[in-house]
Protein backbone atom coordinates (compact mmCIF):
# COMPACT_ATOMS: atom_id res chain seq x y z
CA UNK A 1 0.00 0.00 0.00
CA UNK A 2 0.95 3.62 -0.47
CA UNK A 3 1.46 4.09 3.27
CA UNK A 4 4.56 1.91 3.08
CA UNK A 5 6.14 4.56 0.88
CA UNK A 6 5.26 7.45 3.15
CA UNK A 7 8.07 7.00 5.64
CA UNK A 8 7.97 10.69 6.72
CA UNK A 9 4.35 10.09 7.76
CA UNK A 10 5.41 7.40 10.21
CA UNK A 11 6.38 10.07 12.73
CA UNK A 12 3.03 11.87 12.55
CA UNK A 13 0.59 11.36 15.44
CA UNK A 14 -2.54 11.62 13.25
CA UNK A 15 -3.18 10.35 9.74
CA UNK A 16 -6.38 11.15 7.91
CA UNK A 17 -7.28 8.76 5.12
CA UNK A 18 -10.11 10.62 3.44
CA UNK A 19 -11.15 8.22 0.71
CA UNK A 20 -11.24 4.59 1.75
CA UNK A 21 -13.28 2.53 -0.70
CA UNK A 22 -13.02 -1.18 0.07
CA UNK A 23 -13.29 -3.46 3.07
CA UNK A 24 -9.75 -4.62 2.33
CA UNK A 25 -8.48 -1.02 2.73
CA UNK A 26 -10.17 -0.74 6.11
CA UNK A 27 -8.93 -4.16 7.19
CA UNK A 28 -5.33 -3.22 6.37
CA UNK A 29 -5.40 -0.18 8.65
CA UNK A 30 -7.21 -2.05 11.42
CA UNK A 31 -4.67 -4.88 11.23
CA UNK A 32 -1.58 -2.67 11.20
CA UNK A 33 -2.83 0.03 13.60
CA UNK A 34 -5.34 -1.89 15.71
CA UNK A 35 -4.70 0.00 18.93
CA UNK A 36 -5.03 3.48 17.49
CA UNK A 37 -7.15 3.21 14.34
CA UNK A 38 -10.36 5.25 14.52
CA UNK A 39 -12.91 5.00 11.74
CA UNK A 40 -15.55 7.50 10.73
CA UNK A 41 -18.54 6.57 8.60
CA UNK A 42 -20.28 9.50 6.92
CA UNK A 43 -23.81 8.77 5.72
CA UNK A 44 -26.50 10.78 3.99
CA UNK A 45 -30.03 9.83 3.03
CA UNK A 46 -30.49 9.38 -0.72
CA UNK A 47 -33.37 11.88 -0.73
CA UNK A 48 -31.06 14.56 0.69
CA UNK A 49 -28.35 13.64 -1.80
CA UNK A 50 -30.85 14.05 -4.65
CA UNK A 51 -31.84 17.48 -3.29
CA UNK A 52 -28.13 18.38 -3.43
CA UNK A 53 -27.90 17.35 -7.09
CA UNK A 54 -26.80 13.71 -6.91
CA UNK A 55 -28.14 11.43 -9.65
CA UNK A 56 -27.66 7.67 -9.33
CA UNK A 57 -25.57 6.35 -12.21
CA UNK A 58 -25.72 2.59 -12.76
CA UNK A 59 -22.30 1.03 -13.15
CA UNK A 60 -20.72 3.78 -11.07
CA UNK A 61 -22.78 4.28 -7.91
CA UNK A 62 -23.38 0.54 -7.52
CA UNK A 63 -19.75 -0.46 -8.18
CA UNK A 64 -17.63 -2.06 -5.46
CA UNK A 65 -15.50 1.06 -5.22
CA UNK A 66 -18.59 3.07 -4.27
CA UNK A 67 -20.56 0.70 -2.06
CA UNK A 68 -18.32 -2.06 -0.65
CA UNK A 69 -18.15 -0.37 2.76
CA UNK A 70 -21.94 0.08 2.82
CA UNK A 71 -22.26 -3.61 3.73
CA UNK A 72 -20.48 -3.15 7.06
CA UNK A 73 -22.69 -2.75 10.12
CA UNK A 74 -22.68 0.72 11.68
CA UNK A 75 -21.28 -0.86 14.87
CA UNK A 76 -18.02 -1.60 13.00
CA UNK A 77 -17.22 2.14 12.86
CA UNK A 78 -15.75 4.20 15.68
CA UNK A 79 -17.91 7.21 14.79
CA UNK A 80 -20.96 7.84 12.65
CA UNK A 81 -21.58 11.24 11.07
CA UNK A 82 -24.98 11.95 9.52
CA UNK A 83 -24.62 14.48 6.70
CA UNK A 84 -28.34 15.17 6.32
CA UNK A 85 -28.56 18.65 7.79
CA UNK A 86 -26.82 21.96 7.93
CA UNK A 87 -23.15 22.83 8.08
CA UNK A 88 -23.61 23.51 11.80
CA UNK A 89 -25.16 20.05 12.28
CA UNK A 90 -22.18 18.30 10.74
CA UNK A 91 -19.74 20.62 12.52
CA UNK A 92 -21.29 19.66 15.86
CA UNK A 93 -20.95 15.96 15.03
CA UNK A 94 -17.33 16.34 13.96
CA UNK A 95 -16.30 18.12 17.16
CA UNK A 96 -15.69 14.87 19.09
CA UNK A 97 -13.50 13.60 16.26
CA UNK A 98 -11.55 16.87 16.17
CA UNK A 99 -11.11 16.73 19.95
CA UNK A 100 -9.76 13.17 19.76
CA UNK A 101 -7.25 14.14 17.07
CA UNK A 102 -6.22 17.28 18.97
CA UNK A 103 -5.67 15.28 22.17
CA UNK A 104 -3.56 12.78 20.25
CA UNK A 105 -1.42 15.55 18.75
CA UNK A 106 -1.04 17.33 22.10
CA UNK A 107 -0.04 14.13 23.90
CA UNK A 108 2.87 13.56 21.52
CA UNK A 109 4.27 17.10 21.51
C-alpha atoms as a PDB file:
ATOM      1  CA  UNK A   1       0.000   0.000   0.000  1.00  0.00           C
ATOM      2  CA  UNK A   2       0.951   3.617  -0.473  1.00  0.00           C
ATOM      3  CA  UNK A   3       1.460   4.089   3.271  1.00  0.00           C
ATOM      4  CA  UNK A   4       4.559   1.907   3.081  1.00  0.00           C
ATOM      5  CA  UNK A   5       6.145   4.555   0.878  1.00  0.00           C
ATOM      6  CA  UNK A   6       5.264   7.445   3.154  1.00  0.00           C
ATOM      7  CA  UNK A   7       8.070   7.001   5.640  1.00  0.00           C
ATOM      8  CA  UNK A   8       7.971  10.686   6.721  1.00  0.00           C
ATOM      9  CA  UNK A   9       4.347  10.091   7.760  1.00  0.00           C
ATOM     10  CA  UNK A  10       5.413   7.399  10.211  1.00  0.00           C
ATOM     11  CA  UNK A  11       6.375  10.074  12.727  1.00  0.00           C
ATOM     12  CA  UNK A  12       3.032  11.871  12.552  1.00  0.00           C
ATOM     13  CA  UNK A  13       0.585  11.365  15.436  1.00  0.00           C
ATOM     14  CA  UNK A  14      -2.538  11.616  13.246  1.00  0.00           C
ATOM     15  CA  UNK A  15      -3.184  10.348   9.739  1.00  0.00           C
ATOM     16  CA  UNK A  16      -6.384  11.151   7.912  1.00  0.00           C
ATOM     17  CA  UNK A  17      -7.281   8.764   5.123  1.00  0.00           C
ATOM     18  CA  UNK A  18     -10.106  10.616   3.441  1.00  0.00           C
ATOM     19  CA  UNK A  19     -11.155   8.216   0.709  1.00  0.00           C
ATOM     20  CA  UNK A  20     -11.241   4.594   1.751  1.00  0.00           C
ATOM     21  CA  UNK A  21     -13.284   2.533  -0.703  1.00  0.00           C
ATOM     22  CA  UNK A  22     -13.022  -1.176   0.066  1.00  0.00           C
ATOM     23  CA  UNK A  23     -13.291  -3.458   3.072  1.00  0.00           C
ATOM     24  CA  UNK A  24      -9.748  -4.622   2.329  1.00  0.00           C
ATOM     25  CA  UNK A  25      -8.478  -1.023   2.727  1.00  0.00           C
ATOM     26  CA  UNK A  26     -10.167  -0.736   6.106  1.00  0.00           C
ATOM     27  CA  UNK A  27      -8.934  -4.165   7.194  1.00  0.00           C
ATOM     28  CA  UNK A  28      -5.333  -3.221   6.371  1.00  0.00           C
ATOM     29  CA  UNK A  29      -5.402  -0.183   8.655  1.00  0.00           C
ATOM     30  CA  UNK A  30      -7.213  -2.054  11.417  1.00  0.00           C
ATOM     31  CA  UNK A  31      -4.673  -4.876  11.234  1.00  0.00           C
ATOM     32  CA  UNK A  32      -1.583  -2.667  11.198  1.00  0.00           C
ATOM     33  CA  UNK A  33      -2.828   0.030  13.596  1.00  0.00           C
ATOM     34  CA  UNK A  34      -5.341  -1.887  15.707  1.00  0.00           C
ATOM     35  CA  UNK A  35      -4.701   0.000  18.926  1.00  0.00           C
ATOM     36  CA  UNK A  36      -5.033   3.475  17.490  1.00  0.00           C
ATOM     37  CA  UNK A  37      -7.153   3.212  14.340  1.00  0.00           C
ATOM     38  CA  UNK A  38     -10.360   5.251  14.517  1.00  0.00           C
ATOM     39  CA  UNK A  39     -12.912   4.995  11.737  1.00  0.00           C
ATOM     40  CA  UNK A  40     -15.553   7.505  10.733  1.00  0.00           C
ATOM     41  CA  UNK A  41     -18.537   6.574   8.597  1.00  0.00           C
ATOM     42  CA  UNK A  42     -20.281   9.502   6.916  1.00  0.00           C
ATOM     43  CA  UNK A  43     -23.808   8.766   5.718  1.00  0.00           C
ATOM     44  CA  UNK A  44     -26.503  10.780   3.993  1.00  0.00           C
ATOM     45  CA  UNK A  45     -30.033   9.834   3.035  1.00  0.00           C
ATOM     46  CA  UNK A  46     -30.492   9.379  -0.715  1.00  0.00           C
ATOM     47  CA  UNK A  47     -33.371  11.881  -0.731  1.00  0.00           C
ATOM     48  CA  UNK A  48     -31.060  14.565   0.686  1.00  0.00           C
ATOM     49  CA  UNK A  49     -28.349  13.640  -1.804  1.00  0.00           C
ATOM     50  CA  UNK A  50     -30.849  14.051  -4.649  1.00  0.00           C
ATOM     51  CA  UNK A  51     -31.835  17.484  -3.289  1.00  0.00           C
ATOM     52  CA  UNK A  52     -28.135  18.381  -3.433  1.00  0.00           C
ATOM     53  CA  UNK A  53     -27.903  17.351  -7.088  1.00  0.00           C
ATOM     54  CA  UNK A  54     -26.802  13.710  -6.913  1.00  0.00           C
ATOM     55  CA  UNK A  55     -28.139  11.435  -9.645  1.00  0.00           C
ATOM     56  CA  UNK A  56     -27.664   7.667  -9.333  1.00  0.00           C
ATOM     57  CA  UNK A  57     -25.566   6.347 -12.207  1.00  0.00           C
ATOM     58  CA  UNK A  58     -25.723   2.592 -12.756  1.00  0.00           C
ATOM     59  CA  UNK A  59     -22.298   1.035 -13.152  1.00  0.00           C
ATOM     60  CA  UNK A  60     -20.717   3.780 -11.067  1.00  0.00           C
ATOM     61  CA  UNK A  61     -22.780   4.281  -7.908  1.00  0.00           C
ATOM     62  CA  UNK A  62     -23.384   0.542  -7.520  1.00  0.00           C
ATOM     63  CA  UNK A  63     -19.754  -0.456  -8.175  1.00  0.00           C
ATOM     64  CA  UNK A  64     -17.627  -2.063  -5.463  1.00  0.00           C
ATOM     65  CA  UNK A  65     -15.498   1.063  -5.220  1.00  0.00           C
ATOM     66  CA  UNK A  66     -18.585   3.066  -4.274  1.00  0.00           C
ATOM     67  CA  UNK A  67     -20.556   0.702  -2.061  1.00  0.00           C
ATOM     68  CA  UNK A  68     -18.323  -2.058  -0.646  1.00  0.00           C
ATOM     69  CA  UNK A  69     -18.148  -0.374   2.763  1.00  0.00           C
ATOM     70  CA  UNK A  70     -21.941   0.076   2.821  1.00  0.00           C
ATOM     71  CA  UNK A  71     -22.261  -3.610   3.731  1.00  0.00           C
ATOM     72  CA  UNK A  72     -20.484  -3.153   7.065  1.00  0.00           C
ATOM     73  CA  UNK A  73     -22.689  -2.746  10.124  1.00  0.00           C
ATOM     74  CA  UNK A  74     -22.683   0.720  11.683  1.00  0.00           C
ATOM     75  CA  UNK A  75     -21.276  -0.856  14.867  1.00  0.00           C
ATOM     76  CA  UNK A  76     -18.016  -1.596  12.999  1.00  0.00           C
ATOM     77  CA  UNK A  77     -17.221   2.138  12.859  1.00  0.00           C
ATOM     78  CA  UNK A  78     -15.748   4.205  15.685  1.00  0.00           C
ATOM     79  CA  UNK A  79     -17.911   7.211  14.790  1.00  0.00           C
ATOM     80  CA  UNK A  80     -20.962   7.835  12.647  1.00  0.00           C
ATOM     81  CA  UNK A  81     -21.584  11.243  11.066  1.00  0.00           C
ATOM     82  CA  UNK A  82     -24.977  11.953   9.522  1.00  0.00           C
ATOM     83  CA  UNK A  83     -24.622  14.478   6.703  1.00  0.00           C
ATOM     84  CA  UNK A  84     -28.342  15.172   6.323  1.00  0.00           C
ATOM     85  CA  UNK A  85     -28.565  18.649   7.790  1.00  0.00           C
ATOM     86  CA  UNK A  86     -26.816  21.964   7.929  1.00  0.00           C
ATOM     87  CA  UNK A  87     -23.146  22.827   8.076  1.00  0.00           C
ATOM     88  CA  UNK A  88     -23.609  23.509  11.796  1.00  0.00           C
ATOM     89  CA  UNK A  89     -25.160  20.052  12.284  1.00  0.00           C
ATOM     90  CA  UNK A  90     -22.177  18.305  10.743  1.00  0.00           C
ATOM     91  CA  UNK A  91     -19.736  20.622  12.518  1.00  0.00           C
ATOM     92  CA  UNK A  92     -21.287  19.662  15.859  1.00  0.00           C
ATOM     93  CA  UNK A  93     -20.955  15.959  15.026  1.00  0.00           C
ATOM     94  CA  UNK A  94     -17.333  16.340  13.959  1.00  0.00           C
ATOM     95  CA  UNK A  95     -16.300  18.115  17.161  1.00  0.00           C
ATOM     96  CA  UNK A  96     -15.687  14.867  19.094  1.00  0.00           C
ATOM     97  CA  UNK A  97     -13.497  13.599  16.255  1.00  0.00           C
ATOM     98  CA  UNK A  98     -11.547  16.869  16.169  1.00  0.00           C
ATOM     99  CA  UNK A  99     -11.114  16.730  19.950  1.00  0.00           C
ATOM    100  CA  UNK A 100      -9.762  13.168  19.760  1.00  0.00           C
ATOM    101  CA  UNK A 101      -7.247  14.140  17.068  1.00  0.00           C
ATOM    102  CA  UNK A 102      -6.223  17.276  18.971  1.00  0.00           C
ATOM    103  CA  UNK A 103      -5.670  15.283  22.167  1.00  0.00           C
ATOM    104  CA  UNK A 104      -3.558  12.783  20.253  1.00  0.00           C
ATOM    105  CA  UNK A 105      -1.424  15.554  18.753  1.00  0.00           C
ATOM    106  CA  UNK A 106      -1.039  17.328  22.098  1.00  0.00           C
ATOM    107  CA  UNK A 107      -0.039  14.131  23.897  1.00  0.00           C
ATOM    108  CA  UNK A 108       2.869  13.560  21.517  1.00  0.00           C
ATOM    109  CA  UNK A 109       4.269  17.100  21.508  1.00  0.00           C
END
